[in-house]
Amino acid sequence: MNLPTFQRTVQRCRHAGALVLGLVVAAGGLGAGAASAAARWGADYFPDVTLTTHEGRPVRLYDDLLKGKAVAINVIYTSCTDECPLETARMAEVQRLIGQHAGKDVLFYSISIDPEHDTPAVLKAYAEKFNVGPGWLFLTGKKDDIKLVTRKLGLSRSSDAANRDGHASSLMLGNEPAGQWMRNSAVDNPRFLAATMGNFFGWAKDAPAASYAAAQALDVTRAQFTFQSRCAACHTIGDGDRIGPDLMGVTERRERGWLDRYLREPEKVLAAGDPTAKALFDKYRQVRMPNLKLGEEDVDVLLAYIKTASAQRTPAAPSARQAHGHQHHHH
């Protein structure tokens, strides 16, 4: 029997922690030998291939995107029905949480691993769906160049071809001048990721909300953990729409059988032409509900949590932005 999602997620976090330490040590990120590390992870290491931004602008990987900069880099592809939408939603939340640092003290790059489909126009539309802010580029290019770039950045693995999503959900943080690089899970709690970025890049502690304590209560239950780790980047319960709609009362509005199917295999429900799934897909700017790999027990726990939390809340008033139809969501 497969481990429940909660246990699998904890195991991934432990594994990611080992990767973080190993990469920081390898790159000289513990202070000693920082100068030699910077030289090692510089122009002689990164290929200066040409990529194209979602705005149609050609850029060189090293000279334009990495040299002298602090960066946060992940890989995606826009037709993904698995982790990519969740990954992008979480990164958009991280970008909002770090506030003034975004686009100034750190730049975000999302590299498509499906460059043949993901043209600049396709990537631009994808970026708009998630309300990404300034300082975030979505990049495409020649297929062989993309393979080389993702390998050099530590964002591809030999096992990716067998991965259901085609790639690992990794986020690489880099301080190029210092030669420091650290790999994280790109689908971790956004507040935890924001705090991790602040610590890694050495920002002043000017955003107390972006702390691990704020991310999860110490007595967090399995139900809370499941919602926070898999749903909260896109949805709230009673606090209004995000990338996905407010889930308050969804257990009363939808049939239980439909919710079970949609939570476990949303891509199949949509592909089968289900009218409710299609209406949500169209309403929320065609952002796909990702397959969260939930088991039957996970679904039971999650729906029970949403029902209980809904009963304890009152609906949030729509924001001016929502009232004018500028938000975009799924579920």
Protein backbone atom coordinates (compact mmCIF):
# COMPACT_ATOMS: atom_id res chain seq x y z
CA MET A 1 0.00 0.00 0.00
CA ASN A 2 1.29 3.47 -0.87
CA LEU A 3 2.15 5.87 1.92
CA PRO A 4 -0.45 8.59 2.52
CA THR A 5 0.30 11.96 0.97
CA PHE A 6 1.22 13.39 4.38
CA GLN A 7 3.98 10.85 4.88
CA ARG A 8 5.22 11.14 1.30
CA THR A 9 5.43 14.92 1.64
CA VAL A 10 7.39 14.69 4.89
CA GLN A 11 9.82 12.29 3.23
CA ARG A 12 10.28 14.67 0.29
CA CYS A 13 11.00 17.53 2.70
CA ARG A 14 13.67 15.48 4.47
CA HIS A 15 15.25 14.57 1.14
CA ALA A 16 15.15 18.18 -0.02
CA GLY A 17 16.90 19.24 3.18
CA ALA A 18 19.79 16.92 2.40
CA LEU A 19 20.03 18.33 -1.12
CA VAL A 20 20.07 21.88 0.22
CA LEU A 21 23.01 21.20 2.53
CA GLY A 22 24.93 19.29 -0.11
CA LEU A 23 24.54 21.97 -2.75
CA VAL A 24 25.45 24.83 -0.42
CA VAL A 25 28.57 22.98 0.72
CA ALA A 26 29.49 22.11 -2.87
CA ALA A 27 29.10 25.71 -3.95
CA GLY A 28 31.04 27.12 -1.01
CA GLY A 29 27.86 28.50 0.55
CA LEU A 30 29.07 28.14 4.14
CA GLY A 31 31.42 31.10 3.87
CA ALA A 32 34.86 29.52 3.54
CA GLY A 33 36.20 29.52 0.01
CA ALA A 34 33.41 31.75 -1.32
CA ALA A 35 35.73 33.44 -3.80
CA SER A 36 36.86 30.16 -5.33
CA ALA A 37 33.25 28.97 -5.40
CA ALA A 38 32.17 32.11 -7.27
CA ALA A 39 34.87 31.47 -9.83
CA ARG A 40 33.83 27.84 -10.19
CA TRP A 41 30.12 28.60 -10.69
CA GLY A 42 30.61 31.43 -13.16
CA ALA A 43 31.20 32.03 -16.86
CA ASP A 44 33.31 28.88 -17.24
CA TYR A 45 30.49 26.72 -15.88
CA PHE A 46 27.24 28.17 -17.24
CA PRO A 47 26.68 27.99 -21.02
CA ASP A 48 25.91 31.46 -22.40
CA VAL A 49 23.22 30.20 -24.76
CA THR A 50 20.48 32.45 -26.07
CA LEU A 51 16.98 32.05 -24.65
CA THR A 52 13.83 34.02 -25.42
CA THR A 53 11.62 35.68 -22.81
CA HIS A 54 7.83 35.59 -22.75
CA GLU A 55 8.03 39.14 -24.07
CA GLY A 56 9.90 37.93 -27.16
CA ARG A 57 13.27 39.38 -26.10
CA PRO A 58 16.46 37.37 -26.69
CA VAL A 59 18.69 37.03 -23.61
CA ARG A 60 21.96 35.27 -22.84
CA LEU A 61 21.82 32.81 -19.98
CA TYR A 62 24.95 33.91 -18.17
CA ASP A 63 25.62 37.47 -19.28
CA ASP A 64 22.02 38.68 -19.07
CA LEU A 65 20.26 36.41 -16.59
CA LEU A 66 22.81 35.16 -14.05
CA LYS A 67 25.92 37.33 -13.93
CA GLY A 68 25.98 39.49 -10.81
CA LYS A 69 22.42 38.57 -9.83
CA ALA A 70 20.39 36.75 -7.19
CA VAL A 71 17.93 34.41 -8.83
CA ALA A 72 15.17 31.87 -8.18
CA ILE A 73 14.78 29.39 -11.05
CA ASN A 74 12.39 26.53 -11.76
CA VAL A 75 11.24 24.55 -14.80
CA ILE A 76 7.67 24.24 -16.07
CA TYR A 77 5.66 23.55 -19.20
CA THR A 78 2.32 25.17 -19.87
CA SER A 79 0.39 22.06 -20.95
CA CYS A 80 1.26 20.29 -17.69
CA THR A 81 -1.69 18.79 -15.84
CA ASP A 82 0.25 17.69 -12.77
CA GLU A 83 2.52 19.78 -10.54
CA CYS A 84 3.32 22.78 -12.78
CA PRO A 85 0.17 24.83 -12.08
CA LEU A 86 0.60 24.27 -8.34
CA GLU A 87 4.29 25.11 -8.61
CA THR A 88 3.65 28.38 -10.46
CA ALA A 89 0.84 29.35 -8.09
CA ARG A 90 3.10 28.85 -5.10
CA MET A 91 5.91 30.84 -6.66
CA ALA A 92 3.47 33.68 -7.41
CA GLU A 93 2.51 33.67 -3.73
CA VAL A 94 6.20 33.68 -2.74
CA GLN A 95 6.77 36.67 -5.02
CA ARG A 96 3.97 38.55 -3.25
CA LEU A 97 5.26 37.59 0.20
CA ILE A 98 8.78 38.90 -0.38
CA GLY A 99 7.33 42.25 -1.41
CA GLN A 100 9.89 44.90 -2.33
CA HIS A 101 12.65 42.31 -2.77
CA ALA A 102 10.94 40.85 -5.87
CA GLY A 103 12.48 42.16 -9.07
CA LYS A 104 15.04 44.14 -7.08
CA ASP A 105 16.98 41.78 -4.82
CA VAL A 106 15.99 38.56 -6.58
CA LEU A 107 14.80 37.73 -10.09
CA PHE A 108 12.47 34.84 -10.92
CA TYR A 109 12.99 32.66 -14.00
CA SER A 110 10.74 29.83 -15.17
CA ILE A 111 12.25 27.77 -17.99
CA SER A 112 9.96 25.74 -20.25
CA ILE A 113 11.03 22.15 -20.91
CA ASP A 114 8.58 22.03 -23.82
CA PRO A 115 10.01 24.81 -26.01
CA GLU A 116 8.41 23.48 -29.19
CA HIS A 117 4.95 24.22 -27.80
CA ASP A 118 5.78 27.01 -25.36
CA THR A 119 6.39 29.97 -27.65
CA PRO A 120 6.82 33.45 -26.14
CA ALA A 121 3.12 34.14 -26.78
CA VAL A 122 2.06 30.95 -25.00
CA LEU A 123 4.33 31.73 -22.06
CA LYS A 124 3.04 35.31 -21.86
CA ALA A 125 -0.55 34.08 -21.64
CA TYR A 126 0.49 31.54 -18.98
CA ALA A 127 2.21 34.24 -16.91
CA GLU A 128 -0.88 36.43 -17.07
CA LYS A 129 -3.07 33.62 -15.74
CA PHE A 130 -1.07 33.59 -12.52
CA ASN A 131 -0.78 37.37 -12.08
CA VAL A 132 3.01 37.23 -11.90
CA GLY A 133 4.68 40.46 -10.91
CA PRO A 134 7.66 42.38 -12.33
CA GLY A 135 11.02 40.68 -12.26
CA TRP A 136 9.77 37.25 -13.38
CA LEU A 137 10.70 35.96 -16.82
CA PHE A 138 9.31 32.85 -18.52
CA LEU A 139 11.91 31.48 -20.91
CA THR A 140 11.99 29.28 -23.99
CA GLY A 141 14.65 28.41 -26.56
CA LYS A 142 16.13 25.61 -28.61
CA LYS A 143 15.41 22.17 -27.20
CA ASP A 144 19.06 21.11 -26.91
CA ASP A 145 19.93 24.42 -25.23
CA ILE A 146 17.11 23.98 -22.73
CA LYS A 147 18.36 20.48 -21.86
CA LEU A 148 21.87 21.81 -21.33
CA VAL A 149 20.71 24.76 -19.24
CA THR A 150 18.47 22.72 -16.93
CA ARG A 151 21.22 20.15 -16.41
CA LYS A 152 23.81 22.80 -15.58
CA LEU A 153 21.39 24.48 -13.18
CA GLY A 154 20.71 21.21 -11.36
CA LEU A 155 17.06 21.26 -12.41
CA SER A 156 17.04 18.05 -14.43
CA ARG A 157 17.78 14.47 -13.45
CA SER A 158 18.24 11.21 -15.29
CA SER A 159 14.94 10.01 -13.80
CA ASP A 160 12.89 12.92 -15.19
CA ALA A 161 11.73 11.01 -18.27
CA ALA A 162 10.03 8.47 -16.01
CA ASN A 163 8.55 11.15 -13.76
CA ARG A 164 4.82 11.56 -14.17
CA ASP A 165 5.29 15.31 -14.49
CA GLY A 166 8.39 15.12 -16.70
CA HIS A 167 10.56 16.91 -14.17
CA ALA A 168 11.14 17.30 -10.45
CA SER A 169 9.39 20.23 -8.74
CA SER A 170 12.59 21.96 -7.73
CA LEU A 171 13.44 25.58 -7.10
CA MET A 172 17.09 26.60 -7.43
CA LEU A 173 18.17 29.68 -5.51
CA GLY A 174 21.39 31.25 -6.70
CA ASN A 175 23.65 34.06 -5.54
CA GLU A 176 25.92 34.15 -8.59
CA PRO A 177 28.48 36.71 -7.30
CA ALA A 178 29.07 34.61 -4.17
CA GLY A 179 28.92 31.27 -5.97
CA GLN A 180 26.17 30.01 -3.66
CA TRP A 181 23.39 27.74 -4.95
CA MET A 182 20.69 25.89 -3.06
CA ARG A 183 17.93 23.56 -4.26
CA ASN A 184 14.51 23.54 -2.60
CA SER A 185 11.11 22.01 -3.24
CA ALA A 186 9.13 24.40 -5.45
CA VAL A 187 5.85 23.21 -3.94
CA ASP A 188 6.70 23.85 -0.31
CA ASN A 189 4.64 26.23 1.82
CA PRO A 190 5.02 29.72 0.26
CA ARG A 191 5.70 31.41 3.60
CA PHE A 192 8.40 28.88 4.39
CA LEU A 193 9.93 29.40 0.94
CA ALA A 194 9.83 33.18 1.38
CA ALA A 195 11.61 32.87 4.73
CA THR A 196 14.15 30.46 3.19
CA MET A 197 14.90 32.98 0.45
CA GLY A 198 15.34 35.78 2.96
CA ASN A 199 17.79 33.72 4.99
CA PHE A 200 19.70 32.50 1.95
CA PHE A 201 20.09 35.93 0.38
CA GLY A 202 20.72 37.65 3.72
CA TRP A 203 17.85 40.12 3.64
CA ALA A 204 17.01 42.13 6.73
CA LYS A 205 14.25 40.66 8.85
CA ASP A 206 11.67 43.13 7.56
CA ALA A 207 8.86 40.68 6.82
CA PRO A 208 7.92 38.83 10.02
CA ALA A 209 4.87 37.32 8.31
CA ALA A 210 7.15 35.24 6.10
CA SER A 211 8.28 32.99 8.91
CA TYR A 212 7.92 29.28 9.42
CA ALA A 213 5.91 29.85 12.59
CA ALA A 214 3.38 31.82 10.56
CA ALA A 215 3.31 29.16 7.88
CA GLN A 216 2.09 26.33 10.11
CA ALA A 217 0.73 26.19 13.64
CA LEU A 218 2.87 23.98 15.85
CA ASP A 219 -0.11 21.73 16.60
CA VAL A 220 -1.02 21.40 12.94
CA THR A 221 -3.28 18.46 12.23
CA ARG A 222 -2.99 16.16 9.25
CA ALA A 223 -6.05 17.82 7.70
CA GLN A 224 -4.58 21.30 8.08
CA PHE A 225 -1.26 20.10 6.73
CA THR A 226 -2.91 18.56 3.66
CA PHE A 227 -4.85 21.73 2.90
CA GLN A 228 -1.92 24.07 3.53
CA SER A 229 0.61 21.99 1.60
CA ARG A 230 -1.57 21.06 -1.39
CA CYS A 231 -4.38 23.61 -1.69
CA ALA A 232 -3.62 26.92 0.03
CA ALA A 233 -1.50 28.38 -2.77
CA CYS A 234 -4.60 28.50 -4.98
CA HIS A 235 -7.57 28.47 -2.62
CA THR A 236 -8.89 29.86 0.66
CA ILE A 237 -11.80 28.82 2.84
CA GLY A 238 -13.78 32.00 3.43
CA ASP A 239 -11.10 34.55 2.50
CA GLY A 240 -12.04 35.01 -1.14
CA ASP A 241 -10.66 33.81 -4.42
CA ARG A 242 -6.99 33.37 -5.23
CA ILE A 243 -5.81 31.54 -8.31
CA GLY A 244 -8.60 29.10 -7.52
CA PRO A 245 -12.02 29.98 -6.14
CA ASP A 246 -12.88 30.25 -2.48
CA LEU A 247 -13.70 26.70 -1.33
CA MET A 248 -16.04 27.76 1.43
CA GLY A 249 -19.16 25.58 1.26
CA VAL A 250 -17.94 23.53 -1.70
CA THR A 251 -18.91 20.31 0.08
CA GLU A 252 -22.50 21.56 0.15
CA ARG A 253 -22.53 22.89 -3.43
CA ARG A 254 -21.05 19.80 -5.12
CA GLU A 255 -22.00 16.16 -4.93
CA ARG A 256 -19.60 14.07 -2.87
CA GLY A 257 -19.02 11.61 -5.71
CA TRP A 258 -18.06 14.41 -8.07
CA LEU A 259 -15.67 15.95 -5.53
CA ASP A 260 -14.02 12.56 -4.98
CA ARG A 261 -13.41 12.07 -8.70
CA TYR A 262 -12.27 15.63 -9.32
CA LEU A 263 -9.83 15.74 -6.43
CA ARG A 264 -8.25 12.42 -7.38
CA GLU A 265 -8.16 12.75 -11.18
CA PRO A 266 -9.06 16.30 -12.25
CA GLU A 267 -7.38 15.96 -15.64
CA LYS A 268 -9.50 12.91 -16.52
CA VAL A 269 -12.72 14.56 -15.38
CA LEU A 270 -11.97 17.59 -17.56
CA ALA A 271 -10.86 15.48 -20.53
CA ALA A 272 -14.10 13.50 -20.33
CA GLY A 273 -16.05 16.69 -20.99
CA ASP A 274 -17.62 17.00 -17.54
CA PRO A 275 -19.71 20.21 -17.76
CA THR A 276 -18.88 21.42 -14.26
CA ALA A 277 -15.15 20.91 -14.73
CA LYS A 278 -15.33 22.60 -18.14
CA ALA A 279 -17.26 25.57 -16.74
CA LEU A 280 -14.68 26.07 -13.98
CA PHE A 281 -11.81 25.70 -16.44
CA ASP A 282 -13.31 28.38 -18.70
CA LYS A 283 -14.32 30.70 -15.87
CA TYR A 284 -10.90 30.73 -14.26
CA ARG A 285 -8.87 31.52 -17.37
CA GLN A 286 -8.07 27.91 -18.18
CA VAL A 287 -5.74 27.31 -15.28
CA ARG A 288 -5.75 23.54 -14.85
CA MET A 289 -6.46 21.90 -11.54
CA PRO A 290 -3.32 19.79 -10.93
CA ASN A 291 -3.44 16.15 -9.98
CA LEU A 292 -2.38 16.27 -6.32
CA LYS A 293 -1.89 12.49 -6.08
CA LEU A 294 -4.44 12.20 -3.29
CA GLY A 295 -5.49 8.79 -2.04
CA GLU A 296 -9.00 7.93 -0.86
CA GLU A 297 -8.09 8.61 2.76
CA ASP A 298 -6.49 11.95 1.84
CA VAL A 299 -9.66 13.03 0.03
CA ASP A 300 -11.82 12.10 3.03
CA VAL A 301 -9.60 14.09 5.39
CA LEU A 302 -9.44 17.10 3.10
CA LEU A 303 -13.18 17.32 2.44
CA ALA A 304 -13.95 16.92 6.14
CA TYR A 305 -11.55 19.77 6.90
CA ILE A 306 -13.11 22.04 4.26
CA LYS A 307 -16.61 21.29 5.59
CA THR A 308 -15.63 22.03 9.19
CA ALA A 309 -13.69 25.17 8.31
CA SER A 310 -16.57 26.43 6.14
CA ALA A 311 -18.99 26.08 9.02
CA GLN A 312 -16.73 28.26 11.16
CA ARG A 313 -16.38 31.12 8.68
CA THR A 314 -18.49 33.81 7.06
CA PRO A 315 -18.02 34.56 3.36
CA ALA A 316 -15.46 37.18 2.43
CA ALA A 317 -16.72 40.24 0.58
CA PRO A 318 -15.43 40.31 -3.01
CA SER A 319 -12.52 42.64 -3.57
CA ALA A 320 -12.72 45.41 -6.15
CA ARG A 321 -10.36 43.38 -8.32
CA GLN A 322 -12.61 40.32 -8.12
CA ALA A 323 -15.72 42.42 -8.74
CA HIS A 324 -14.24 43.60 -12.02
CA GLY A 325 -13.48 40.06 -13.10
CA HIS A 326 -9.68 40.33 -13.08
CA GLN A 327 -9.02 37.33 -10.88
CA HIS A 328 -8.46 33.87 -12.40
CA HIS A 329 -8.93 30.57 -10.68
CA HIS A 330 -9.57 26.84 -10.83
CA HIS A 331 -11.24 23.98 -8.93
